[in-house]
Structures are given as C-alpha cells and as structure tokens.
Amino acid sequence: MFGNRIGIVGGGQLGRMLGFAAKKMGFYVMVTDPTPNSPAGQVVDHQIVANYQDEKAIRELGENSDFLTFEIELANAEILKELSDKGLQINPSAKTLGIIKDKLEQKKFLQKAKVPTAKFMEVKSREDIIKAGAKFGYPLMLKARFDAYDGRGNAVIKTKENINQALIKLDGRRLYVEAWVKFEKELAVMVARSTSGDIKSFPVVETLHKNNICHLVFAPAQVKGKIIKNAQKLAKNVMKSLGGAGVFGIEMFLTDKGQVLINELAPRVHNSGHYTMEGCATSQFEQHIRAITGMPLGDTKLIHPAVVMINILGEREGIAQPDGLHMVHKLPGTSVHIYGKLETRPERKMGHITVVADDINTAHKLALKARKFVKI
C-alpha cells in the first residue's frame, strides 16, 4: 500500500506552500516548527511545536510519516540519518543536507565534482583573511559556514582595513572566504530528481537582489541560448553528484566574461522558484512532493511567455496587517500569496506576487505596480 503521510521539518512559508500542494494531492501532512500556529501549521493536519534540532520531535514526526522532508537547512541531519538508516524514506538525503548546510563543505563538494564556482578558502583568524586577500585580491566575501541565508551570514571586505569590522559582524561564527565574482547577472535553476533517478530542470531565471535578499525573479532569463544550455547542464551535473530525491535550488553567477559559476545550493524548494506556481505546468512544490513520494516528475515547461515574481518584504515592526490586496486582484495576470506570518519586521519575507504576461517588460511593470498596493 502506498503511504500517504508526509512529515516536513520546518513550518515557514516553504512548508506552507508544500503543505498546500500535498493536501491538494491527497496527503496527510505534519510539520514541526518552534513557532505556534506557524505558516505551515495553519494549513496542514498537525504541527509539533518544537525546535528544528529537537530529537524527540523529529522522531515523533518520523514515526507518523511515510515520507520525511525538510524546508530549512537547520534540520537535524544526524537524527535524519539515524531514521533513514532504520528505513524511513527521507529526501533529500541526510548526507546531502549535511554537505549543503555547511557552505564550506558545499564549496569543497562542488570543487571535487569539477563544477565551476568562486575560489574559496577556510579562515580561522584575521591573519588567514589577510592571506586570502593576498591570494585572491580585494574585495572579498566573508561568509558564515552555517545558518546563513538572505545575506545574514555575509560581510563584504573591501580592503584590509575592513577586516575587523567584518569579523565583528560575524563574531562567533565559523567562517570561510570567497573571492569576489564580477558578475553581469545572477541566475537560478530549480532542478528535481525522482526516487528513480529521473532529473528534470525548470527554466533558467534571472534574479535581482536587494541587500542580499531576493527581490525579483524573471522567467525566462533574458540571456543567450548557449548560456541557458550551459546553466541547465551545470545544474543537472550537480544533481547527478548529490544524493536523494526532491527539488533543489541552484543559484548561479553569469560573469562579465560570459562564464556561468555555481554560487550556492539549496536542498529544498526555493524563493527563486515561486514563479512556477502560476508560471509552469507543475509548480516546484507539487514537483517536490512528486519527487519524494516516488511519483513520476511533472512537466516543467513555462505555460506563459513571461513570468515575474516580486517578494513582499516587511517594512516595520509589529503585528502583520495585510492591506491593499483587493487592488492587486484587479490587475491582469496577477496573483498574490500571503504567508500567514503573525508578525512583520523589516526585510522579513511576508508574501510574494506573481505576474504572467505576453512579455517580460509588461510583467515587470505590473509586478512593480502590484507591489506598491500592498502594505503588511
């Protein structure tokens, strides 16, 4: 008998949208998250209120699941491996999570797989950073190895004089340095692999960031065909080297010399793939559920000529009070998704808007117009 219970470690917006997709497909869904009435907890069958690292909670989740997955890299990889060794279907694999959640190990993995990425080195002191500056030149990007997302674990070192300031910002974190990449555009590809090993790539998109947080996504990316093919080939090569099934987010740089470099990997659905909800035949969320439960992968093609996604970020501290959504719904081809977070704060991801249109410029203009209507 085919199991129908899915457990998700993490109850944020990604878990929420995974939950919507899984419920639509007939699954019983359970999540664990430290926030009571979390975004995912509002829409799934049951939430365990506990930390992502909580062994007891993850074991309880495992006991009540036929398939286990995660929406956040903070998940306890050691307990997931233990449960996997006992026969629970966990995807992506605990081993893959262990590699990717440590950004330095992620870089070493890419290097070993002969995948082009920025030059890097581990640093444990100010002297190590000075050596990196001598080796790579300035500016440098100092990064936290763990628990870093949306730029919160990054510090730019423009000159030797900025080292102390960067170390203060990331005090107490295990660190590494990346050489600065002069890029023309930032690209991203969502790629899925099924439990049978079938791999399907979604379209290559362009992402625009503000303060290291994804702001806009353009699908398809407005770049030459050979760059599209190169990006998709690189993404599939990464998937062949990683273990486990599911949807992965692969962020890339297109350098000023036309080279495509892998920037970072996410072993989960990703912000740069939200456009697929209205833009593709199969959303990244449905695809992830298909992938981890042994179903055939869905069609990844765009079903509109152009799609633009814009994030709704918090702009104040306080209780979330979404307003202006009725104005967004009046715009053609426009959909709004609010994540159900009870509190807002500056730069917190509170929702997103997707616009489908006949061309990128029209979709972009409508997305910017729609975003101006929304207050939260």
Protein backbone atom coordinates (compact mmCIF):
# COMPACT_ATOMS: atom_id res chain seq x y z
CA MET A 1 0.00 0.00 0.00
CA PHE A 2 1.29 3.44 -0.97
CA GLY A 3 1.85 5.60 2.11
CA ASN A 4 0.06 8.93 2.28
CA ARG A 5 1.68 10.63 5.30
CA ILE A 6 4.27 13.36 4.74
CA GLY A 7 6.35 14.93 7.51
CA ILE A 8 8.10 18.27 7.00
CA VAL A 9 10.82 19.68 9.26
CA GLY A 10 10.11 23.41 9.23
CA GLY A 11 6.83 25.30 9.14
CA GLY A 12 7.67 28.54 7.35
CA GLN A 13 6.35 29.76 4.02
CA LEU A 14 8.06 26.96 2.08
CA GLY A 15 6.43 24.37 4.34
CA ARG A 16 3.12 26.18 3.91
CA MET A 17 3.27 26.01 0.11
CA LEU A 18 4.48 22.40 0.22
CA GLY A 19 1.53 21.70 2.52
CA PHE A 20 -0.96 23.26 0.11
CA ALA A 21 0.45 21.14 -2.74
CA ALA A 22 0.49 17.92 -0.71
CA LYS A 23 -3.05 18.39 0.64
CA LYS A 24 -4.32 19.03 -2.88
CA MET A 25 -2.75 15.69 -3.89
CA GLY A 26 -4.45 13.82 -1.05
CA PHE A 27 -1.65 13.51 1.54
CA TYR A 28 -1.84 13.79 5.32
CA VAL A 29 0.75 16.41 6.31
CA MET A 30 2.50 17.01 9.62
CA VAL A 31 5.18 19.62 10.38
CA THR A 32 7.50 20.52 13.23
CA ASP A 33 8.32 24.18 13.89
CA PRO A 34 9.15 26.23 17.02
CA THR A 35 6.52 28.91 16.24
CA PRO A 36 2.98 28.03 17.38
CA ASN A 37 0.43 28.43 14.56
CA SER A 38 3.30 28.67 12.06
CA PRO A 39 2.59 29.50 8.40
CA ALA A 40 2.61 25.78 7.53
CA GLY A 41 0.86 24.81 10.77
CA GLN A 42 -2.13 26.89 9.66
CA VAL A 43 -2.77 24.75 6.58
CA VAL A 44 -1.56 21.20 7.37
CA ASP A 45 -3.15 18.46 9.50
CA HIS A 46 -0.91 18.74 12.56
CA GLN A 47 2.03 20.74 13.90
CA ILE A 48 4.52 19.65 16.56
CA VAL A 49 5.76 22.81 18.30
CA ALA A 50 9.48 22.18 18.72
CA ASN A 51 12.90 23.34 17.59
CA TYR A 52 14.30 22.09 14.27
CA GLN A 53 17.06 20.29 16.19
CA ASP A 54 14.73 18.64 18.73
CA GLU A 55 15.46 14.89 18.61
CA LYS A 56 12.21 13.83 20.28
CA ALA A 57 10.10 15.96 17.93
CA ILE A 58 11.84 14.73 14.78
CA ARG A 59 11.48 11.12 15.94
CA GLU A 60 7.77 11.72 16.58
CA LEU A 61 7.47 13.26 13.14
CA GLY A 62 9.24 10.24 11.65
CA GLU A 63 7.00 7.76 13.47
CA ASN A 64 3.94 9.43 11.93
CA SER A 65 5.30 9.79 8.39
CA ASP A 66 5.77 7.57 5.37
CA PHE A 67 7.91 10.24 3.71
CA LEU A 68 10.01 12.84 5.50
CA THR A 69 11.45 16.05 4.03
CA PHE A 70 12.56 19.49 5.20
CA GLU A 71 12.12 23.11 4.18
CA ILE A 72 15.06 24.51 6.10
CA GLU A 73 18.75 23.60 6.35
CA LEU A 74 18.61 23.91 10.16
CA ALA A 75 17.06 20.43 10.31
CA ASN A 76 18.96 17.92 12.48
CA ALA A 77 20.96 15.96 9.88
CA GLU A 78 22.25 13.43 12.43
CA ILE A 79 18.78 12.33 13.57
CA LEU A 80 17.53 12.29 9.98
CA LYS A 81 20.39 9.95 9.06
CA GLU A 82 19.56 7.69 12.01
CA LEU A 83 15.91 7.49 10.92
CA SER A 84 16.94 6.90 7.30
CA ASP A 85 19.21 4.02 8.37
CA LYS A 86 16.17 2.48 10.08
CA GLY A 87 14.24 2.52 6.81
CA LEU A 88 12.28 5.80 6.80
CA GLN A 89 12.18 7.44 3.37
CA ILE A 90 13.90 10.80 3.83
CA ASN A 91 14.54 13.07 0.88
CA PRO A 92 16.71 14.89 0.07
CA SER A 93 19.11 12.56 1.86
CA ALA A 94 20.53 13.36 5.29
CA LYS A 95 24.01 13.09 3.75
CA THR A 96 23.14 15.74 1.18
CA LEU A 97 21.75 18.01 3.90
CA GLY A 98 24.98 17.54 5.86
CA ILE A 99 27.03 18.65 2.85
CA ILE A 100 24.92 21.62 1.85
CA LYS A 101 24.14 23.11 5.28
CA ASP A 102 27.90 23.72 5.73
CA LYS A 103 28.73 26.23 2.99
CA LEU A 104 32.44 25.42 3.09
CA GLU A 105 31.74 21.69 2.64
CA GLN A 106 29.35 22.67 -0.14
CA LYS A 107 32.18 24.50 -1.93
CA LYS A 108 34.51 21.53 -1.46
CA PHE A 109 31.83 19.24 -2.88
CA LEU A 110 31.44 21.44 -5.97
CA GLN A 111 35.21 21.59 -6.42
CA LYS A 112 35.51 17.80 -6.17
CA ALA A 113 32.67 17.39 -8.69
CA LYS A 114 34.61 19.72 -11.05
CA VAL A 115 31.75 22.23 -11.06
CA PRO A 116 32.91 25.84 -11.62
CA THR A 117 32.48 28.05 -8.56
CA ALA A 118 34.16 31.05 -6.92
CA LYS A 119 37.62 30.50 -5.42
CA PHE A 120 37.46 29.98 -1.66
CA MET A 121 39.41 29.11 1.48
CA GLU A 122 38.67 28.42 5.13
CA VAL A 123 39.66 31.16 7.57
CA LYS A 124 40.04 30.96 11.35
CA SER A 125 41.69 34.26 12.13
CA ARG A 126 42.38 37.79 10.92
CA GLU A 127 45.76 36.56 9.66
CA ASP A 128 44.01 33.94 7.49
CA ILE A 129 41.83 36.64 5.94
CA ILE A 130 44.92 38.73 5.19
CA LYS A 131 46.40 35.68 3.43
CA ALA A 132 43.16 35.30 1.45
CA GLY A 133 43.37 38.95 0.44
CA ALA A 134 46.93 38.42 -0.77
CA LYS A 135 45.86 35.30 -2.67
CA PHE A 136 42.57 36.48 -4.22
CA GLY A 137 42.78 40.27 -4.04
CA TYR A 138 40.11 42.63 -2.68
CA PRO A 139 37.18 42.89 -2.30
CA LEU A 140 36.50 39.57 -0.54
CA MET A 141 33.26 37.99 0.65
CA LEU A 142 33.47 36.68 4.22
CA LYS A 143 30.77 34.07 4.86
CA ALA A 144 29.44 32.10 7.81
CA ARG A 145 29.55 28.36 7.18
CA PHE A 146 26.28 27.57 8.96
CA ASP A 147 22.78 29.01 9.44
CA ALA A 148 23.27 31.81 6.91
CA TYR A 149 20.55 32.85 4.48
CA ASP A 150 19.30 36.02 2.76
CA GLY A 151 22.74 37.56 3.21
CA ARG A 152 22.57 37.44 7.01
CA GLY A 153 25.82 35.48 7.20
CA ASN A 154 27.81 37.59 4.73
CA ALA A 155 30.21 40.50 5.14
CA VAL A 156 31.98 42.30 2.30
CA ILE A 157 35.64 43.13 2.93
CA LYS A 158 36.54 45.93 0.53
CA THR A 159 40.07 46.48 1.83
CA LYS A 160 42.38 45.15 4.53
CA GLU A 161 41.09 47.93 6.81
CA ASN A 162 37.55 46.42 6.74
CA ILE A 163 38.59 43.03 8.17
CA ASN A 164 37.96 43.87 11.83
CA GLN A 165 34.51 45.28 11.04
CA ALA A 166 33.58 42.09 9.13
CA LEU A 167 34.81 39.88 11.97
CA ILE A 168 32.71 41.84 14.47
CA LYS A 169 29.61 41.39 12.29
CA LEU A 170 30.14 37.61 12.12
CA ASP A 171 31.58 37.18 15.61
CA GLY A 172 31.24 33.66 16.98
CA ARG A 173 30.58 32.07 13.59
CA ARG A 174 32.75 29.52 11.77
CA LEU A 175 33.91 31.27 8.60
CA TYR A 176 35.34 30.97 5.13
CA VAL A 177 36.23 33.45 2.39
CA GLU A 178 35.19 33.60 -1.26
CA ALA A 179 36.99 35.53 -3.96
CA TRP A 180 34.90 38.37 -5.36
CA VAL A 181 32.99 37.49 -8.52
CA LYS A 182 32.40 40.24 -11.08
CA PHE A 183 29.01 39.16 -12.38
CA GLU A 184 26.75 40.53 -15.07
CA LYS A 185 23.61 38.76 -13.86
CA GLU A 186 22.50 36.35 -11.15
CA LEU A 187 20.74 33.26 -12.47
CA ALA A 188 18.93 30.36 -10.83
CA VAL A 189 17.60 26.95 -11.82
CA MET A 190 15.23 24.69 -9.91
CA VAL A 191 16.03 21.05 -10.61
CA ALA A 192 14.14 17.95 -9.50
CA ARG A 193 15.20 14.34 -9.19
CA SER A 194 12.78 11.49 -8.56
CA THR A 195 13.45 8.45 -6.37
CA SER A 196 14.05 6.50 -9.59
CA GLY A 197 16.79 8.95 -10.66
CA ASP A 198 14.88 10.87 -13.33
CA ILE A 199 16.08 14.51 -13.49
CA LYS A 200 14.06 17.46 -14.80
CA SER A 201 15.12 21.09 -14.91
CA PHE A 202 12.81 24.09 -14.68
CA PRO A 203 13.55 27.14 -16.88
CA VAL A 204 16.62 29.26 -16.13
CA VAL A 205 15.59 32.51 -14.45
CA GLU A 206 17.29 35.79 -13.60
CA THR A 207 17.16 37.01 -10.01
CA LEU A 208 17.64 40.54 -8.70
CA HIS A 209 18.68 41.03 -5.07
CA LYS A 210 18.46 43.99 -2.69
CA ASN A 211 20.52 43.84 0.50
CA ASN A 212 21.35 40.22 -0.37
CA ILE A 213 17.64 39.28 -0.35
CA CYS A 214 15.86 38.07 -3.48
CA HIS A 215 13.66 40.91 -4.75
CA LEU A 216 12.61 39.99 -8.28
CA VAL A 217 12.66 36.87 -10.45
CA PHE A 218 12.32 36.99 -14.25
CA ALA A 219 11.32 33.87 -16.19
CA PRO A 220 12.71 33.02 -18.61
CA ALA A 221 16.11 34.67 -18.10
CA GLN A 222 16.85 37.17 -20.86
CA VAL A 223 20.21 35.71 -21.87
CA LYS A 224 21.65 33.93 -24.90
CA GLY A 225 20.59 30.38 -25.65
CA LYS A 226 24.07 28.96 -25.11
CA ILE A 227 24.11 30.43 -21.59
CA ILE A 228 20.73 28.80 -20.87
CA LYS A 229 22.05 25.43 -22.05
CA ASN A 230 25.25 25.81 -20.03
CA ALA A 231 23.32 26.72 -16.86
CA GLN A 232 20.96 23.76 -17.22
CA LYS A 233 23.85 21.39 -17.94
CA LEU A 234 25.69 22.57 -14.82
CA ALA A 235 22.54 22.20 -12.70
CA LYS A 236 21.95 18.65 -13.89
CA ASN A 237 25.60 17.75 -13.29
CA VAL A 238 25.25 18.97 -9.70
CA MET A 239 22.13 16.82 -9.26
CA LYS A 240 23.92 13.75 -10.55
CA SER A 241 26.55 14.21 -7.83
CA LEU A 242 24.12 14.83 -4.96
CA GLY A 243 22.17 12.11 -3.17
CA GLY A 244 18.45 11.85 -2.64
CA ALA A 245 15.27 12.96 -4.37
CA GLY A 246 13.46 16.29 -4.31
CA VAL A 247 13.63 19.79 -5.72
CA PHE A 248 16.89 21.73 -5.35
CA GLY A 249 17.53 25.43 -5.85
CA ILE A 250 20.79 26.20 -7.65
CA GLU A 251 21.95 29.82 -7.66
CA MET A 252 24.49 30.97 -10.24
CA PHE A 253 26.56 33.90 -11.40
CA LEU A 254 26.90 34.91 -15.04
CA THR A 255 30.30 36.61 -15.03
CA ASP A 256 31.27 39.64 -17.08
CA LYS A 257 33.26 37.21 -19.27
CA GLY A 258 30.20 35.06 -20.04
CA GLN A 259 31.10 32.18 -17.72
CA VAL A 260 28.46 30.52 -15.54
CA LEU A 261 29.56 29.76 -11.95
CA ILE A 262 27.61 27.95 -9.25
CA ASN A 263 27.08 30.29 -6.30
CA GLU A 264 25.09 28.28 -3.75
CA LEU A 265 22.89 25.19 -3.49
CA ALA A 266 19.68 24.76 -1.51
CA PRO A 267 18.48 21.18 -0.84
CA ARG A 268 14.84 22.27 -0.96
CA VAL A 269 12.27 24.36 -2.77
CA HIS A 270 13.49 27.94 -3.10
CA ASN A 271 12.39 31.57 -3.37
CA SER A 272 13.67 31.75 -6.94
CA GLY A 273 11.17 29.02 -7.88
CA HIS A 274 7.97 30.64 -6.58
CA TYR A 275 7.14 31.84 -10.10
CA THR A 276 6.41 28.19 -11.02
CA MET A 277 3.12 28.31 -9.06
CA GLU A 278 1.43 30.27 -11.84
CA GLY A 279 4.14 30.10 -14.49
CA CYS A 280 4.80 26.40 -15.08
CA ALA A 281 2.79 23.28 -15.83
CA THR A 282 3.94 21.87 -12.47
CA SER A 283 4.88 24.07 -9.51
CA GLN A 284 8.14 23.46 -7.66
CA PHE A 285 6.05 22.47 -4.62
CA GLU A 286 3.99 19.81 -6.39
CA GLN A 287 7.20 18.62 -8.06
CA HIS A 288 8.91 18.19 -4.69
CA ILE A 289 6.00 16.13 -3.37
CA ARG A 290 6.05 14.03 -6.53
CA ALA A 291 9.80 13.53 -6.27
CA ILE A 292 9.97 12.45 -2.62
CA THR A 293 6.97 10.11 -2.80
CA GLY A 294 8.09 8.11 -5.83
CA MET A 295 5.69 9.61 -8.36
CA PRO A 296 6.75 10.48 -11.91
CA LEU A 297 8.03 14.05 -12.21
CA GLY A 298 5.67 16.60 -13.73
CA ASP A 299 6.12 18.79 -16.80
CA THR A 300 8.40 21.77 -16.05
CA LYS A 301 7.70 23.92 -19.08
CA LEU A 302 6.54 27.54 -18.87
CA ILE A 303 2.84 27.89 -19.68
CA HIS A 304 3.07 31.66 -20.26
CA PRO A 305 5.54 33.60 -22.41
CA ALA A 306 6.78 35.61 -19.42
CA VAL A 307 6.53 35.47 -15.62
CA VAL A 308 7.81 37.89 -12.98
CA MET A 309 7.80 37.26 -9.22
CA ILE A 310 8.30 40.05 -6.70
CA ASN A 311 8.73 39.49 -2.96
CA ILE A 312 6.63 41.24 -0.33
CA LEU A 313 9.03 42.17 2.46
CA GLY A 314 8.11 43.65 5.82
CA GLU A 315 8.76 47.35 6.31
CA ARG A 316 8.04 47.85 10.03
CA GLU A 317 7.92 46.07 13.39
CA GLY A 318 4.57 44.83 14.67
CA ILE A 319 1.50 42.70 14.03
CA ALA A 320 1.04 41.81 10.36
CA GLN A 321 -1.96 43.55 8.81
CA PRO A 322 -2.13 42.83 5.07
CA ASP A 323 -3.80 45.65 3.16
CA GLY A 324 -4.29 46.58 -0.49
CA LEU A 325 -4.70 43.00 -1.73
CA HIS A 326 -8.03 43.82 -3.39
CA MET A 327 -6.21 46.27 -5.66
CA VAL A 328 -3.69 43.61 -6.69
CA HIS A 329 -6.50 41.25 -7.68
CA LYS A 330 -7.78 43.83 -10.16
CA LEU A 331 -4.58 43.65 -12.22
CA PRO A 332 -4.48 41.22 -15.19
CA GLY A 333 -2.46 38.03 -14.80
CA THR A 334 -1.57 38.89 -11.20
CA SER A 335 -1.65 36.55 -8.17
CA VAL A 336 -0.73 37.36 -4.57
CA HIS A 337 0.39 34.91 -1.89
CA ILE A 338 0.44 35.96 1.79
CA TYR A 339 2.37 33.63 4.09
CA GLY A 340 0.31 33.91 7.26
CA LYS A 341 3.14 35.20 9.46
CA LEU A 342 1.63 36.85 12.51
CA GLU A 343 4.38 39.44 12.98
CA THR A 344 6.11 41.64 10.43
CA ARG A 345 9.56 43.21 10.60
CA PRO A 346 11.86 44.97 8.12
CA GLU A 347 13.04 42.68 5.27
CA ARG A 348 11.09 39.67 6.56
CA LYS A 349 9.53 37.66 3.71
CA MET A 350 5.77 38.09 4.21
CA GLY A 351 4.48 37.04 0.79
CA HIS A 352 5.03 37.31 -2.94
CA ILE A 353 3.26 38.42 -6.11
CA THR A 354 3.42 36.60 -9.44
CA VAL A 355 2.51 38.20 -12.77
CA VAL A 356 2.09 36.31 -16.05
CA ALA A 357 2.07 38.24 -19.33
CA ASP A 358 2.97 38.10 -23.02
CA ASP A 359 6.38 39.72 -22.44
CA ILE A 360 8.84 40.35 -19.61
CA ASN A 361 8.54 44.16 -19.67
CA THR A 362 4.75 44.06 -19.22
CA ALA A 363 5.01 41.50 -16.42
CA HIS A 364 7.74 43.57 -14.71
CA LYS A 365 5.70 46.79 -14.83
CA LEU A 366 2.61 45.06 -13.46
CA ALA A 367 4.64 43.41 -10.68
CA LEU A 368 6.06 46.77 -9.55
CA LYS A 369 2.59 48.33 -9.70
CA ALA A 370 1.06 45.49 -7.69
CA ARG A 371 3.77 45.65 -5.05
CA LYS A 372 3.05 49.35 -4.43
CA PHE A 373 -0.53 48.50 -3.46
CA VAL A 374 0.43 46.04 -0.71
CA LYS A 375 1.12 47.06 2.88
CA ILE A 376 1.69 44.46 5.57
